[in-house]
Amino acid sequence: GAQPYLENADRYQGLFYRLFDALQEELSLHSELAATTETAMFATDDEDIPAFMEWLDVDKTVENYCQEQSLAVPPEILGLVHLHIQAIDQWLNSERR
């Protein structure tokens, strides 16, 4: 039963590279983000964490995405992972990014 988890690990890896590329692009356009990004990596207080770091919280991301899309939050982990990846992928493809 490990195959779905391995496939999702591959999807997350591809998504990580896309997020990394998007962050590098943003940093090249907005150099002031570099200090915020560095601070966020070592933040100990939620107030110090920039909004983009919320993508690491699967439950919060899926809950927000389901609310926006009028979907039910799936009860099982594979459903959560699927929607987490879908939400980030949609954001990466959007103009809002």
Protein backbone atom coordinates (compact mmCIF):
# COMPACT_ATOMS: atom_id res chain seq x y z
CA GLY A 1 0.00 0.00 0.00
CA ALA A 2 3.02 2.31 -0.16
CA GLN A 3 2.66 3.17 -3.87
CA PRO A 4 0.23 6.11 -3.44
CA TYR A 5 2.55 7.64 -0.83
CA LEU A 6 5.58 7.24 -3.08
CA GLU A 7 3.73 8.85 -5.96
CA ASN A 8 2.73 11.79 -3.77
CA ALA A 9 6.32 12.15 -2.57
CA ASP A 10 7.33 12.50 -6.23
CA ARG A 11 4.57 15.08 -6.78
CA TYR A 12 5.73 17.05 -3.73
CA GLN A 13 9.30 16.99 -4.99
CA GLY A 14 8.23 18.43 -8.36
CA LEU A 15 6.12 21.01 -6.56
CA PHE A 16 9.05 21.93 -4.33
CA TYR A 17 11.20 22.70 -7.37
CA ARG A 18 8.43 24.84 -8.87
CA LEU A 19 8.04 26.73 -5.57
CA PHE A 20 11.80 27.20 -5.34
CA ASP A 21 11.91 28.60 -8.88
CA ALA A 22 8.98 30.93 -8.12
CA LEU A 23 10.68 32.15 -4.95
CA GLN A 24 13.93 32.78 -6.81
CA GLU A 25 12.01 34.74 -9.43
CA GLU A 26 10.29 36.85 -6.76
CA LEU A 27 13.57 37.46 -4.94
CA SER A 28 15.15 38.71 -8.15
CA LEU A 29 12.26 41.16 -8.63
CA HIS A 30 11.91 42.21 -4.98
CA SER A 31 15.22 42.11 -3.16
CA GLU A 32 13.63 43.20 0.13
CA LEU A 33 12.00 39.76 0.37
CA ALA A 34 15.39 38.15 0.97
CA ALA A 35 15.55 39.42 4.56
CA THR A 36 11.96 38.31 5.22
CA THR A 37 12.67 34.86 3.81
CA GLU A 38 15.79 34.41 5.92
CA THR A 39 13.97 35.56 9.06
CA ALA A 40 11.08 33.18 8.37
CA MET A 41 13.36 30.17 8.20
CA PHE A 42 14.32 30.68 11.84
CA ALA A 43 11.07 32.22 13.14
CA THR A 44 9.81 31.14 16.54
CA ASP A 45 6.68 33.28 16.60
CA ASP A 46 3.71 33.01 14.20
CA GLU A 47 3.80 36.79 13.73
CA ASP A 48 7.29 36.52 12.20
CA ILE A 49 6.22 34.02 9.56
CA PRO A 50 5.24 35.49 6.17
CA ALA A 51 2.04 34.32 4.49
CA PHE A 52 3.81 32.16 1.93
CA MET A 53 5.03 29.87 4.72
CA GLU A 54 1.43 28.90 5.45
CA TRP A 55 1.65 26.54 2.46
CA LEU A 56 3.62 24.19 4.71
CA ASP A 57 0.53 23.64 6.88
CA VAL A 58 -1.38 20.94 4.98
CA ASP A 59 -4.53 21.11 7.11
CA LYS A 60 -4.81 24.90 6.98
CA THR A 61 -4.09 25.07 3.25
CA VAL A 62 -6.63 22.35 2.43
CA GLU A 63 -9.25 23.86 4.73
CA ASN A 64 -8.87 27.28 3.06
CA TYR A 65 -8.83 25.75 -0.43
CA CYS A 66 -11.93 23.67 0.24
CA GLN A 67 -13.75 26.71 1.58
CA GLU A 68 -12.84 28.74 -1.53
CA GLN A 69 -13.85 25.91 -3.86
CA SER A 70 -16.97 24.84 -1.89
CA LEU A 71 -15.53 21.38 -1.31
CA ALA A 72 -15.69 19.09 1.68
CA VAL A 73 -12.38 18.55 3.48
CA PRO A 74 -11.42 14.92 2.88
CA PRO A 75 -11.06 12.80 6.03
CA GLU A 76 -8.21 10.62 4.74
CA ILE A 77 -4.55 11.57 4.34
CA LEU A 78 -4.31 10.79 0.62
CA GLY A 79 -7.25 13.10 -0.08
CA LEU A 80 -5.65 15.85 2.00
CA VAL A 81 -2.34 15.47 0.20
CA HIS A 82 -4.04 15.51 -3.20
CA LEU A 83 -5.87 18.76 -2.41
CA HIS A 84 -2.79 20.30 -0.79
CA ILE A 85 -0.79 19.76 -3.97
CA GLN A 86 -3.71 20.92 -6.11
CA ALA A 87 -4.09 24.14 -4.08
CA ILE A 88 -0.41 25.04 -4.34
CA ASP A 89 -0.32 24.11 -8.00
CA GLN A 90 -3.32 26.32 -8.70
CA TRP A 91 -1.68 29.20 -6.82
CA LEU A 92 1.57 28.77 -8.76
CA ASN A 93 -0.37 28.94 -12.03
CA SER A 94 -2.40 31.98 -11.02
CA GLU A 95 -1.83 35.64 -11.70
CA ARG A 96 -2.22 36.39 -7.95
CA ARG A 97 1.17 34.87 -7.16
